[in-house]
mmCIF file of all heavy atoms, coordinates in Angstrom:
data_MODEL
# 
_entry.id   MODEL 
# 
loop_
_atom_site.group_PDB 
_atom_site.id 
_atom_site.type_symbol 
_atom_site.label_atom_id 
_atom_site.label_alt_id 
_atom_site.label_comp_id 
_atom_site.label_asym_id 
_atom_site.label_entity_id 
_atom_site.label_seq_id 
_atom_site.pdbx_PDB_ins_code 
_atom_site.Cartn_x 
_atom_site.Cartn_y 
_atom_site.Cartn_z 
_atom_site.occupancy 
_atom_site.B_iso_or_equiv 
_atom_site.pdbx_formal_charge 
_atom_site.auth_seq_id 
_atom_site.auth_comp_id 
_atom_site.auth_asym_id 
_atom_site.auth_atom_id 
_atom_site.pdbx_PDB_model_num 
ATOM 1   N N   . ASN A 1 1  ? 0.847  -1.181 -0.037  1.00 0.00 ? 1  ASN A N   1 
ATOM 2   C CA  . ASN A 1 1  ? 0.019  -0.018 0.002   1.00 0.00 ? 1  ASN A CA  1 
ATOM 3   C C   . ASN A 1 1  ? 0.914  1.245  -0.007  1.00 0.00 ? 1  ASN A C   1 
ATOM 4   O O   . ASN A 1 1  ? 0.861  2.023  -0.933  1.00 0.00 ? 1  ASN A O   1 
ATOM 5   C CB  . ASN A 1 1  ? -0.920 -0.056 1.236   1.00 0.00 ? 1  ASN A CB  1 
ATOM 6   C CG  . ASN A 1 1  ? -1.815 1.149  1.371   1.00 0.00 ? 1  ASN A CG  1 
ATOM 7   O OD1 . ASN A 1 1  ? -2.289 1.442  2.464   1.00 0.00 ? 1  ASN A OD1 1 
ATOM 8   N ND2 . ASN A 1 1  ? -2.062 1.900  0.287   1.00 0.00 ? 1  ASN A ND2 1 
ATOM 9   N N   . VAL A 1 2  ? 1.710  1.368  1.046   1.00 0.00 ? 2  VAL A N   1 
ATOM 10  C CA  . VAL A 1 2  ? 2.696  2.385  1.149   1.00 0.00 ? 2  VAL A CA  1 
ATOM 11  C C   . VAL A 1 2  ? 3.958  1.788  1.698   1.00 0.00 ? 2  VAL A C   1 
ATOM 12  O O   . VAL A 1 2  ? 3.896  0.962  2.603   1.00 0.00 ? 2  VAL A O   1 
ATOM 13  C CB  . VAL A 1 2  ? 2.225  3.511  2.121   1.00 0.00 ? 2  VAL A CB  1 
ATOM 14  C CG1 . VAL A 1 2  ? 3.301  4.601  2.320   1.00 0.00 ? 2  VAL A CG1 1 
ATOM 15  C CG2 . VAL A 1 2  ? 0.911  4.171  1.603   1.00 0.00 ? 2  VAL A CG2 1 
ATOM 16  N N   . VAL A 1 3  ? 5.128  2.144  1.162   1.00 0.00 ? 3  VAL A N   1 
ATOM 17  C CA  . VAL A 1 3  ? 6.368  1.455  1.532   1.00 0.00 ? 3  VAL A CA  1 
ATOM 18  C C   . VAL A 1 3  ? 7.503  2.487  1.721   1.00 0.00 ? 3  VAL A C   1 
ATOM 19  O O   . VAL A 1 3  ? 7.568  3.487  1.000   1.00 0.00 ? 3  VAL A O   1 
ATOM 20  C CB  . VAL A 1 3  ? 6.804  0.431  0.494   1.00 0.00 ? 3  VAL A CB  1 
ATOM 21  C CG1 . VAL A 1 3  ? 7.044  1.062  -0.881  1.00 0.00 ? 3  VAL A CG1 1 
ATOM 22  C CG2 . VAL A 1 3  ? 8.032  -0.345 0.972   1.00 0.00 ? 3  VAL A CG2 1 
ATOM 23  N N   . VAL A 1 4  ? 8.323  2.271  2.706   1.00 0.00 ? 4  VAL A N   1 
ATOM 24  C CA  . VAL A 1 4  ? 9.552  3.101  2.918   1.00 0.00 ? 4  VAL A CA  1 
ATOM 25  C C   . VAL A 1 4  ? 10.653 2.435  2.089   1.00 0.00 ? 4  VAL A C   1 
ATOM 26  O O   . VAL A 1 4  ? 11.064 1.306  2.305   1.00 0.00 ? 4  VAL A O   1 
ATOM 27  C CB  . VAL A 1 4  ? 9.918  3.160  4.427   1.00 0.00 ? 4  VAL A CB  1 
ATOM 28  C CG1 . VAL A 1 4  ? 11.245 3.955  4.547   1.00 0.00 ? 4  VAL A CG1 1 
ATOM 29  C CG2 . VAL A 1 4  ? 8.827  3.805  5.230   1.00 0.00 ? 4  VAL A CG2 1 
ATOM 30  N N   . SER A 1 5  ? 11.133 3.168  1.107   1.00 0.00 ? 5  SER A N   1 
ATOM 31  C CA  . SER A 1 5  ? 12.222 2.703  0.226   1.00 0.00 ? 5  SER A CA  1 
ATOM 32  C C   . SER A 1 5  ? 13.509 3.465  0.514   1.00 0.00 ? 5  SER A C   1 
ATOM 33  O O   . SER A 1 5  ? 13.449 4.555  1.058   1.00 0.00 ? 5  SER A O   1 
ATOM 34  C CB  . SER A 1 5  ? 11.815 2.864  -1.262  1.00 0.00 ? 5  SER A CB  1 
ATOM 35  O OG  . SER A 1 5  ? 10.653 2.094  -1.570  1.00 0.00 ? 5  SER A OG  1 
ATOM 36  N N   . LEU A 1 6  ? 14.613 2.875  0.092   1.00 0.00 ? 6  LEU A N   1 
ATOM 37  C CA  . LEU A 1 6  ? 15.899 3.521  0.238   1.00 0.00 ? 6  LEU A CA  1 
ATOM 38  C C   . LEU A 1 6  ? 16.660 3.381  -1.079  1.00 0.00 ? 6  LEU A C   1 
ATOM 39  O O   . LEU A 1 6  ? 16.613 2.354  -1.718  1.00 0.00 ? 6  LEU A O   1 
ATOM 40  C CB  . LEU A 1 6  ? 16.715 2.899  1.379   1.00 0.00 ? 6  LEU A CB  1 
ATOM 41  C CG  . LEU A 1 6  ? 16.063 2.994  2.769   1.00 0.00 ? 6  LEU A CG  1 
ATOM 42  C CD1 . LEU A 1 6  ? 15.561 1.632  3.181   1.00 0.00 ? 6  LEU A CD1 1 
ATOM 43  C CD2 . LEU A 1 6  ? 17.054 3.522  3.794   1.00 0.00 ? 6  LEU A CD2 1 
ATOM 44  N N   . TRP A 1 7  ? 17.360 4.458  -1.417  1.00 0.00 ? 7  TRP A N   1 
ATOM 45  C CA  . TRP A 1 7  ? 18.143 4.416  -2.653  1.00 0.00 ? 7  TRP A CA  1 
ATOM 46  C C   . TRP A 1 7  ? 19.460 5.137  -2.463  1.00 0.00 ? 7  TRP A C   1 
ATOM 47  O O   . TRP A 1 7  ? 19.527 6.276  -1.988  1.00 0.00 ? 7  TRP A O   1 
ATOM 48  C CB  . TRP A 1 7  ? 17.359 5.115  -3.809  1.00 0.00 ? 7  TRP A CB  1 
ATOM 49  C CG  . TRP A 1 7  ? 18.089 5.093  -5.088  1.00 0.00 ? 7  TRP A CG  1 
ATOM 50  C CD1 . TRP A 1 7  ? 18.872 6.088  -5.645  1.00 0.00 ? 7  TRP A CD1 1 
ATOM 51  C CD2 . TRP A 1 7  ? 18.209 3.974  -5.963  1.00 0.00 ? 7  TRP A CD2 1 
ATOM 52  N NE1 . TRP A 1 7  ? 19.412 5.655  -6.839  1.00 0.00 ? 7  TRP A NE1 1 
ATOM 53  C CE2 . TRP A 1 7  ? 19.053 4.367  -7.074  1.00 0.00 ? 7  TRP A CE2 1 
ATOM 54  C CE3 . TRP A 1 7  ? 17.682 2.680  -6.017  1.00 0.00 ? 7  TRP A CE3 1 
ATOM 55  C CZ2 . TRP A 1 7  ? 19.331 3.514  -8.126  1.00 0.00 ? 7  TRP A CZ2 1 
ATOM 56  C CZ3 . TRP A 1 7  ? 18.005 1.848  -7.051  1.00 0.00 ? 7  TRP A CZ3 1 
ATOM 57  C CH2 . TRP A 1 7  ? 18.801 2.263  -8.093  1.00 0.00 ? 7  TRP A CH2 1 
ATOM 58  N N   . GLY A 1 8  ? 20.552 4.484  -2.827  1.00 0.00 ? 8  GLY A N   1 
ATOM 59  C CA  . GLY A 1 8  ? 21.873 5.092  -2.797  1.00 0.00 ? 8  GLY A CA  1 
ATOM 60  C C   . GLY A 1 8  ? 22.358 5.436  -4.204  1.00 0.00 ? 8  GLY A C   1 
ATOM 61  O O   . GLY A 1 8  ? 22.223 4.636  -5.125  1.00 0.00 ? 8  GLY A O   1 
ATOM 62  N N   . ALA A 1 9  ? 22.883 6.622  -4.387  1.00 0.00 ? 9  ALA A N   1 
ATOM 63  C CA  . ALA A 1 9  ? 23.345 7.051  -5.681  1.00 0.00 ? 9  ALA A CA  1 
ATOM 64  C C   . ALA A 1 9  ? 24.423 6.122  -6.231  1.00 0.00 ? 9  ALA A C   1 
ATOM 65  O O   . ALA A 1 9  ? 25.353 5.773  -5.487  1.00 0.00 ? 9  ALA A O   1 
ATOM 66  C CB  . ALA A 1 9  ? 23.891 8.482  -5.597  1.00 0.00 ? 9  ALA A CB  1 
ATOM 67  N N   . ASP A 1 10 ? 24.307 5.719  -7.464  1.00 0.00 ? 10 ASP A N   1 
ATOM 68  C CA  . ASP A 1 10 ? 25.266 4.822  -8.093  1.00 0.00 ? 10 ASP A CA  1 
ATOM 69  C C   . ASP A 1 10 ? 26.485 5.576  -8.632  1.00 0.00 ? 10 ASP A C   1 
ATOM 70  O O   . ASP A 1 10 ? 27.573 5.026  -8.728  1.00 0.00 ? 10 ASP A O   1 
ATOM 71  C CB  . ASP A 1 10 ? 24.650 4.005  -9.174  1.00 0.00 ? 10 ASP A CB  1 
ATOM 72  C CG  . ASP A 1 10 ? 23.641 2.999  -8.662  1.00 0.00 ? 10 ASP A CG  1 
ATOM 73  O OD1 . ASP A 1 10 ? 24.033 2.227  -7.775  1.00 0.00 ? 10 ASP A OD1 1 
ATOM 74  O OD2 . ASP A 1 10 ? 22.481 2.994  -9.118  1.00 0.00 ? 10 ASP A OD2 1 
ATOM 75  N N   . PHE A 1 11 ? 26.260 6.832  -8.990  1.00 0.00 ? 11 PHE A N   1 
ATOM 76  C CA  . PHE A 1 11 ? 27.364 7.645  -9.545  1.00 0.00 ? 11 PHE A CA  1 
ATOM 77  C C   . PHE A 1 11 ? 27.042 9.116  -9.247  1.00 0.00 ? 11 PHE A C   1 
ATOM 78  O O   . PHE A 1 11 ? 25.889 9.458  -8.992  1.00 0.00 ? 11 PHE A O   1 
ATOM 79  C CB  . PHE A 1 11 ? 27.554 7.374  -11.054 1.00 0.00 ? 11 PHE A CB  1 
ATOM 80  C CG  . PHE A 1 11 ? 26.298 7.431  -11.867 1.00 0.00 ? 11 PHE A CG  1 
ATOM 81  C CD1 . PHE A 1 11 ? 25.918 8.628  -12.483 1.00 0.00 ? 11 PHE A CD1 1 
ATOM 82  C CD2 . PHE A 1 11 ? 25.532 6.286  -12.060 1.00 0.00 ? 11 PHE A CD2 1 
ATOM 83  C CE1 . PHE A 1 11 ? 24.741 8.665  -13.237 1.00 0.00 ? 11 PHE A CE1 1 
ATOM 84  C CE2 . PHE A 1 11 ? 24.354 6.359  -12.847 1.00 0.00 ? 11 PHE A CE2 1 
ATOM 85  C CZ  . PHE A 1 11 ? 23.977 7.537  -13.410 1.00 0.00 ? 11 PHE A CZ  1 
ATOM 86  N N   . PRO A 1 12 ? 28.049 9.972  -9.304  1.00 0.00 ? 12 PRO A N   1 
ATOM 87  C CA  . PRO A 1 12 ? 27.847 11.330 -8.869  1.00 0.00 ? 12 PRO A CA  1 
ATOM 88  C C   . PRO A 1 12 ? 27.189 12.275 -9.907  1.00 0.00 ? 12 PRO A C   1 
ATOM 89  O O   . PRO A 1 12 ? 27.827 13.217 -10.366 1.00 0.00 ? 12 PRO A O   1 
ATOM 90  C CB  . PRO A 1 12 ? 29.305 11.799 -8.527  1.00 0.00 ? 12 PRO A CB  1 
ATOM 91  C CG  . PRO A 1 12 ? 30.163 10.964 -9.439  1.00 0.00 ? 12 PRO A CG  1 
ATOM 92  C CD  . PRO A 1 12 ? 29.452 9.668  -9.540  1.00 0.00 ? 12 PRO A CD  1 
ATOM 93  N N   . ASP A 1 13 ? 25.943 12.029 -10.194 1.00 0.00 ? 13 ASP A N   1 
ATOM 94  C CA  . ASP A 1 13 ? 25.211 12.848 -11.105 1.00 0.00 ? 13 ASP A CA  1 
ATOM 95  C C   . ASP A 1 13 ? 23.730 12.739 -10.717 1.00 0.00 ? 13 ASP A C   1 
ATOM 96  O O   . ASP A 1 13 ? 23.268 11.605 -10.394 1.00 0.00 ? 13 ASP A O   1 
ATOM 97  C CB  . ASP A 1 13 ? 25.397 12.386 -12.544 1.00 0.00 ? 13 ASP A CB  1 
ATOM 98  C CG  . ASP A 1 13 ? 24.823 13.329 -13.560 1.00 0.00 ? 13 ASP A CG  1 
ATOM 99  O OD1 . ASP A 1 13 ? 23.578 13.222 -13.818 1.00 0.00 ? 13 ASP A OD1 1 
ATOM 100 O OD2 . ASP A 1 13 ? 25.530 14.210 -14.077 1.00 0.00 ? 13 ASP A OD2 1 
ATOM 101 N N   . PRO A 1 14 ? 22.962 13.820 -10.728 1.00 0.00 ? 14 PRO A N   1 
ATOM 102 C CA  . PRO A 1 14 ? 21.564 13.746 -10.318 1.00 0.00 ? 14 PRO A CA  1 
ATOM 103 C C   . PRO A 1 14 ? 20.717 12.708 -11.045 1.00 0.00 ? 14 PRO A C   1 
ATOM 104 O O   . PRO A 1 14 ? 19.733 12.199 -10.519 1.00 0.00 ? 14 PRO A O   1 
ATOM 105 C CB  . PRO A 1 14 ? 21.060 15.179 -10.561 1.00 0.00 ? 14 PRO A CB  1 
ATOM 106 C CG  . PRO A 1 14 ? 22.250 16.050 -10.450 1.00 0.00 ? 14 PRO A CG  1 
ATOM 107 C CD  . PRO A 1 14 ? 23.388 15.190 -11.018 1.00 0.00 ? 14 PRO A CD  1 
ATOM 108 N N   . ILE A 1 15 ? 21.068 12.428 -12.267 1.00 0.00 ? 15 ILE A N   1 
ATOM 109 C CA  . ILE A 1 15 ? 20.276 11.531 -13.087 1.00 0.00 ? 15 ILE A CA  1 
ATOM 110 C C   . ILE A 1 15 ? 20.219 10.120 -12.471 1.00 0.00 ? 15 ILE A C   1 
ATOM 111 O O   . ILE A 1 15 ? 19.271 9.376  -12.696 1.00 0.00 ? 15 ILE A O   1 
ATOM 112 C CB  . ILE A 1 15 ? 20.780 11.453 -14.552 1.00 0.00 ? 15 ILE A CB  1 
ATOM 113 C CG1 . ILE A 1 15 ? 19.665 11.013 -15.506 1.00 0.00 ? 15 ILE A CG1 1 
ATOM 114 C CG2 . ILE A 1 15 ? 22.004 10.582 -14.676 1.00 0.00 ? 15 ILE A CG2 1 
ATOM 115 C CD1 . ILE A 1 15 ? 18.574 12.046 -15.641 1.00 0.00 ? 15 ILE A CD1 1 
ATOM 116 N N   . THR A 1 16 ? 21.245 9.741  -11.651 1.00 0.00 ? 16 THR A N   1 
ATOM 117 C CA  . THR A 1 16 ? 21.243 8.432  -11.029 1.00 0.00 ? 16 THR A CA  1 
ATOM 118 C C   . THR A 1 16 ? 20.005 8.248  -10.120 1.00 0.00 ? 16 THR A C   1 
ATOM 119 O O   . THR A 1 16 ? 19.510 7.151  -9.931  1.00 0.00 ? 16 THR A O   1 
ATOM 120 C CB  . THR A 1 16 ? 22.518 8.222  -10.197 1.00 0.00 ? 16 THR A CB  1 
ATOM 121 O OG1 . THR A 1 16 ? 22.547 6.888  -9.692  1.00 0.00 ? 16 THR A OG1 1 
ATOM 122 C CG2 . THR A 1 16 ? 22.611 9.203  -9.015  1.00 0.00 ? 16 THR A CG2 1 
ATOM 123 N N   . ASP A 1 17 ? 19.481 9.347  -9.562  1.00 0.00 ? 17 ASP A N   1 
ATOM 124 C CA  . ASP A 1 17 ? 18.298 9.283  -8.713  1.00 0.00 ? 17 ASP A CA  1 
ATOM 125 C C   . ASP A 1 17 ? 17.048 9.619  -9.523  1.00 0.00 ? 17 ASP A C   1 
ATOM 126 O O   . ASP A 1 17 ? 15.996 8.942  -9.377  1.00 0.00 ? 17 ASP A O   1 
ATOM 127 C CB  . ASP A 1 17 ? 18.433 10.307 -7.575  1.00 0.00 ? 17 ASP A CB  1 
ATOM 128 C CG  . ASP A 1 17 ? 19.625 10.074 -6.651  1.00 0.00 ? 17 ASP A CG  1 
ATOM 129 O OD1 . ASP A 1 17 ? 19.857 8.890  -6.339  1.00 0.00 ? 17 ASP A OD1 1 
ATOM 130 O OD2 . ASP A 1 17 ? 20.286 11.022 -6.306  1.00 0.00 ? 17 ASP A OD2 1 
ATOM 131 N N   . LEU A 1 18 ? 17.134 10.616 -10.349 1.00 0.00 ? 18 LEU A N   1 
ATOM 132 C CA  . LEU A 1 18 ? 15.958 11.117 -11.041 1.00 0.00 ? 18 LEU A CA  1 
ATOM 133 C C   . LEU A 1 18 ? 15.381 10.152 -12.019 1.00 0.00 ? 18 LEU A C   1 
ATOM 134 O O   . LEU A 1 18 ? 14.143 10.074 -12.226 1.00 0.00 ? 18 LEU A O   1 
ATOM 135 C CB  . LEU A 1 18 ? 16.286 12.441 -11.749 1.00 0.00 ? 18 LEU A CB  1 
ATOM 136 C CG  . LEU A 1 18 ? 16.626 13.626 -10.806 1.00 0.00 ? 18 LEU A CG  1 
ATOM 137 C CD1 . LEU A 1 18 ? 17.102 14.819 -11.639 1.00 0.00 ? 18 LEU A CD1 1 
ATOM 138 C CD2 . LEU A 1 18 ? 15.451 13.992 -9.952  1.00 0.00 ? 18 LEU A CD2 1 
ATOM 139 N N   . GLN A 1 19 ? 16.216 9.348  -12.706 1.00 0.00 ? 19 GLN A N   1 
ATOM 140 C CA  . GLN A 1 19 ? 15.713 8.465  -13.724 1.00 0.00 ? 19 GLN A CA  1 
ATOM 141 C C   . GLN A 1 19 ? 14.874 7.298  -13.159 1.00 0.00 ? 19 GLN A C   1 
ATOM 142 O O   . GLN A 1 19 ? 14.156 6.610  -13.880 1.00 0.00 ? 19 GLN A O   1 
ATOM 143 C CB  . GLN A 1 19 ? 16.817 7.861  -14.553 1.00 0.00 ? 19 GLN A CB  1 
ATOM 144 C CG  . GLN A 1 19 ? 17.852 7.054  -13.759 1.00 0.00 ? 19 GLN A CG  1 
ATOM 145 C CD  . GLN A 1 19 ? 19.097 6.752  -14.604 1.00 0.00 ? 19 GLN A CD  1 
ATOM 146 O OE1 . GLN A 1 19 ? 19.073 6.869  -15.828 1.00 0.00 ? 19 GLN A OE1 1 
ATOM 147 N NE2 . GLN A 1 19 ? 20.157 6.297  -13.940 1.00 0.00 ? 19 GLN A NE2 1 
ATOM 148 N N   . LEU A 1 20 ? 14.908 7.131  -11.792 1.00 0.00 ? 20 LEU A N   1 
ATOM 149 C CA  . LEU A 1 20 ? 14.097 6.084  -11.177 1.00 0.00 ? 20 LEU A CA  1 
ATOM 150 C C   . LEU A 1 20 ? 12.627 6.248  -11.362 1.00 0.00 ? 20 LEU A C   1 
ATOM 151 O O   . LEU A 1 20 ? 11.873 5.301  -11.328 1.00 0.00 ? 20 LEU A O   1 
ATOM 152 C CB  . LEU A 1 20 ? 14.389 6.032  -9.671  1.00 0.00 ? 20 LEU A CB  1 
ATOM 153 C CG  . LEU A 1 20 ? 15.816 5.826  -9.189  1.00 0.00 ? 20 LEU A CG  1 
ATOM 154 C CD1 . LEU A 1 20 ? 15.882 5.841  -7.681  1.00 0.00 ? 20 LEU A CD1 1 
ATOM 155 C CD2 . LEU A 1 20 ? 16.340 4.476  -9.705  1.00 0.00 ? 20 LEU A CD2 1 
ATOM 156 N N   . PHE A 1 21 ? 12.168 7.484  -11.578 1.00 0.00 ? 21 PHE A N   1 
ATOM 157 C CA  . PHE A 1 21 ? 10.742 7.765  -11.501 1.00 0.00 ? 21 PHE A CA  1 
ATOM 158 C C   . PHE A 1 21 ? 10.133 8.098  -12.866 1.00 0.00 ? 21 PHE A C   1 
ATOM 159 O O   . PHE A 1 21 ? 9.002  8.643  -12.906 1.00 0.00 ? 21 PHE A O   1 
ATOM 160 C CB  . PHE A 1 21 ? 10.476 8.831  -10.463 1.00 0.00 ? 21 PHE A CB  1 
ATOM 161 C CG  . PHE A 1 21 ? 11.034 8.437  -9.125  1.00 0.00 ? 21 PHE A CG  1 
ATOM 162 C CD1 . PHE A 1 21 ? 12.217 9.009  -8.640  1.00 0.00 ? 21 PHE A CD1 1 
ATOM 163 C CD2 . PHE A 1 21 ? 10.487 7.416  -8.383  1.00 0.00 ? 21 PHE A CD2 1 
ATOM 164 C CE1 . PHE A 1 21 ? 12.775 8.602  -7.455  1.00 0.00 ? 21 PHE A CE1 1 
ATOM 165 C CE2 . PHE A 1 21 ? 11.015 7.016  -7.199  1.00 0.00 ? 21 PHE A CE2 1 
ATOM 166 C CZ  . PHE A 1 21 ? 12.188 7.627  -6.715  1.00 0.00 ? 21 PHE A CZ  1 
ATOM 167 N N   . THR A 1 22 ? 10.780 7.750  -13.947 1.00 0.00 ? 22 THR A N   1 
ATOM 168 C CA  . THR A 1 22 ? 10.122 7.821  -15.214 1.00 0.00 ? 22 THR A CA  1 
ATOM 169 C C   . THR A 1 22 ? 9.073  6.723  -15.301 1.00 0.00 ? 22 THR A C   1 
ATOM 170 O O   . THR A 1 22 ? 9.118  5.749  -14.529 1.00 0.00 ? 22 THR A O   1 
ATOM 171 C CB  . THR A 1 22 ? 11.134 7.660  -16.385 1.00 0.00 ? 22 THR A CB  1 
ATOM 172 O OG1 . THR A 1 22 ? 11.857 6.394  -16.234 1.00 0.00 ? 22 THR A OG1 1 
ATOM 173 C CG2 . THR A 1 22 ? 12.129 8.789  -16.427 1.00 0.00 ? 22 THR A CG2 1 
ATOM 174 N N   . SER A 1 23 ? 8.113  6.890  -16.102 1.00 0.00 ? 23 SER A N   1 
ATOM 175 C CA  . SER A 1 23 ? 6.958  5.980  -16.143 1.00 0.00 ? 23 SER A CA  1 
ATOM 176 C C   . SER A 1 23 ? 7.299  4.539  -16.325 1.00 0.00 ? 23 SER A C   1 
ATOM 177 O O   . SER A 1 23 ? 6.617  3.652  -15.793 1.00 0.00 ? 23 SER A O   1 
ATOM 178 C CB  . SER A 1 23 ? 5.955  6.420  -17.222 1.00 0.00 ? 23 SER A CB  1 
ATOM 179 O OG  . SER A 1 23 ? 5.537  7.718  -16.996 1.00 0.00 ? 23 SER A OG  1 
ATOM 180 N N   . ASP A 1 24 ? 8.342  4.270  -17.105 1.00 0.00 ? 24 ASP A N   1 
ATOM 181 C CA  . ASP A 1 24 ? 8.706  2.899  -17.465 1.00 0.00 ? 24 ASP A CA  1 
ATOM 182 C C   . ASP A 1 24 ? 9.873  2.342  -16.663 1.00 0.00 ? 24 ASP A C   1 
ATOM 183 O O   . ASP A 1 24 ? 10.336 1.209  -16.937 1.00 0.00 ? 24 ASP A O   1 
ATOM 184 C CB  . ASP A 1 24 ? 8.984  2.794  -18.964 1.00 0.00 ? 24 ASP A CB  1 
ATOM 185 C CG  . ASP A 1 24 ? 10.129 3.684  -19.410 1.00 0.00 ? 24 ASP A CG  1 
ATOM 186 O OD1 . ASP A 1 24 ? 10.613 4.495  -18.565 1.00 0.00 ? 24 ASP A OD1 1 
ATOM 187 O OD2 . ASP A 1 24 ? 10.547 3.597  -20.538 1.00 0.00 ? 24 ASP A OD2 1 
ATOM 188 N N   . ASN A 1 25 ? 10.349 3.056  -15.644 1.00 0.00 ? 25 ASN A N   1 
ATOM 189 C CA  . ASN A 1 25 ? 11.531 2.555  -14.924 1.00 0.00 ? 25 ASN A CA  1 
ATOM 190 C C   . ASN A 1 25 ? 11.121 1.409  -13.960 1.00 0.00 ? 25 ASN A C   1 
ATOM 191 O O   . ASN A 1 25 ? 10.114 1.535  -13.255 1.00 0.00 ? 25 ASN A O   1 
ATOM 192 C CB  . ASN A 1 25 ? 12.215 3.658  -14.152 1.00 0.00 ? 25 ASN A CB  1 
ATOM 193 C CG  . ASN A 1 25 ? 13.595 3.256  -13.626 1.00 0.00 ? 25 ASN A CG  1 
ATOM 194 O OD1 . ASN A 1 25 ? 13.722 2.463  -12.665 1.00 0.00 ? 25 ASN A OD1 1 
ATOM 195 N ND2 . ASN A 1 25 ? 14.635 3.752  -14.264 1.00 0.00 ? 25 ASN A ND2 1 
ATOM 196 N N   . SER A 1 26 ? 11.891 0.371  -13.925 1.00 0.00 ? 26 SER A N   1 
ATOM 197 C CA  . SER A 1 26 ? 11.541 -0.791 -13.101 1.00 0.00 ? 26 SER A CA  1 
ATOM 198 C C   . SER A 1 26 ? 11.613 -0.493 -11.607 1.00 0.00 ? 26 SER A C   1 
ATOM 199 O O   . SER A 1 26 ? 11.026 -1.209 -10.788 1.00 0.00 ? 26 SER A O   1 
ATOM 200 C CB  . SER A 1 26 ? 12.467 -1.975 -13.417 1.00 0.00 ? 26 SER A CB  1 
ATOM 201 O OG  . SER A 1 26 ? 13.839 -1.606 -13.191 1.00 0.00 ? 26 SER A OG  1 
ATOM 202 N N   . TYR A 1 27 ? 12.297 0.596  -11.212 1.00 0.00 ? 27 TYR A N   1 
ATOM 203 C CA  . TYR A 1 27 ? 12.415 0.927  -9.831  1.00 0.00 ? 27 TYR A CA  1 
ATOM 204 C C   . TYR A 1 27 ? 11.285 1.902  -9.348  1.00 0.00 ? 27 TYR A C   1 
ATOM 205 O O   . TYR A 1 27 ? 11.225 2.262  -8.209  1.00 0.00 ? 27 TYR A O   1 
ATOM 206 C CB  . TYR A 1 27 ? 13.758 1.552  -9.515  1.00 0.00 ? 27 TYR A CB  1 
ATOM 207 C CG  . TYR A 1 27 ? 14.874 0.585  -9.358  1.00 0.00 ? 27 TYR A CG  1 
ATOM 208 C CD1 . TYR A 1 27 ? 15.722 0.346  -10.406 1.00 0.00 ? 27 TYR A CD1 1 
ATOM 209 C CD2 . TYR A 1 27 ? 14.976 -0.185 -8.201  1.00 0.00 ? 27 TYR A CD2 1 
ATOM 210 C CE1 . TYR A 1 27 ? 16.766 -0.593 -10.282 1.00 0.00 ? 27 TYR A CE1 1 
ATOM 211 C CE2 . TYR A 1 27 ? 16.010 -1.120 -8.123  1.00 0.00 ? 27 TYR A CE2 1 
ATOM 212 C CZ  . TYR A 1 27 ? 16.912 -1.299 -9.111  1.00 0.00 ? 27 TYR A CZ  1 
ATOM 213 O OH  . TYR A 1 27 ? 17.876 -2.246 -9.031  1.00 0.00 ? 27 TYR A OH  1 
ATOM 214 N N   . ASN A 1 28 ? 10.455 2.283  -10.307 1.00 0.00 ? 28 ASN A N   1 
ATOM 215 C CA  . ASN A 1 28 ? 9.331  3.169  -9.956  1.00 0.00 ? 28 ASN A CA  1 
ATOM 216 C C   . ASN A 1 28 ? 8.201  2.278  -9.384  1.00 0.00 ? 28 ASN A C   1 
ATOM 217 O O   . ASN A 1 28 ? 7.226  1.970  -10.028 1.00 0.00 ? 28 ASN A O   1 
ATOM 218 C CB  . ASN A 1 28 ? 8.848  3.894  -11.228 1.00 0.00 ? 28 ASN A CB  1 
ATOM 219 C CG  . ASN A 1 28 ? 7.709  4.869  -10.939 1.00 0.00 ? 28 ASN A CG  1 
ATOM 220 O OD1 . ASN A 1 28 ? 7.208  4.992  -9.820  1.00 0.00 ? 28 ASN A OD1 1 
ATOM 221 N ND2 . ASN A 1 28 ? 7.294  5.526  -12.019 1.00 0.00 ? 28 ASN A ND2 1 
ATOM 222 N N   . ASN A 1 29 ? 8.415  1.810  -8.151  1.00 0.00 ? 29 ASN A N   1 
ATOM 223 C CA  . ASN A 1 29 ? 7.523  0.828  -7.547  1.00 0.00 ? 29 ASN A CA  1 
ATOM 224 C C   . ASN A 1 29 ? 6.102  1.349  -7.332  1.00 0.00 ? 29 ASN A C   1 
ATOM 225 O O   . ASN A 1 29 ? 5.159  0.577  -7.382  1.00 0.00 ? 29 ASN A O   1 
ATOM 226 C CB  . ASN A 1 29 ? 8.101  0.346  -6.227  1.00 0.00 ? 29 ASN A CB  1 
ATOM 227 C CG  . ASN A 1 29 ? 9.431  -0.350 -6.412  1.00 0.00 ? 29 ASN A CG  1 
ATOM 228 O OD1 . ASN A 1 29 ? 9.609  -1.147 -7.316  1.00 0.00 ? 29 ASN A OD1 1 
ATOM 229 N ND2 . ASN A 1 29 ? 10.390 -0.068 -5.565  1.00 0.00 ? 29 ASN A ND2 1 
# 
């Protein structure tokens, strides 16, 4: 229903975090 998630940046650029929430990203739970 609602979940607490955690994400660590893989590389030093904002896109490492931001690309998670595009409509088709597998991490957009």
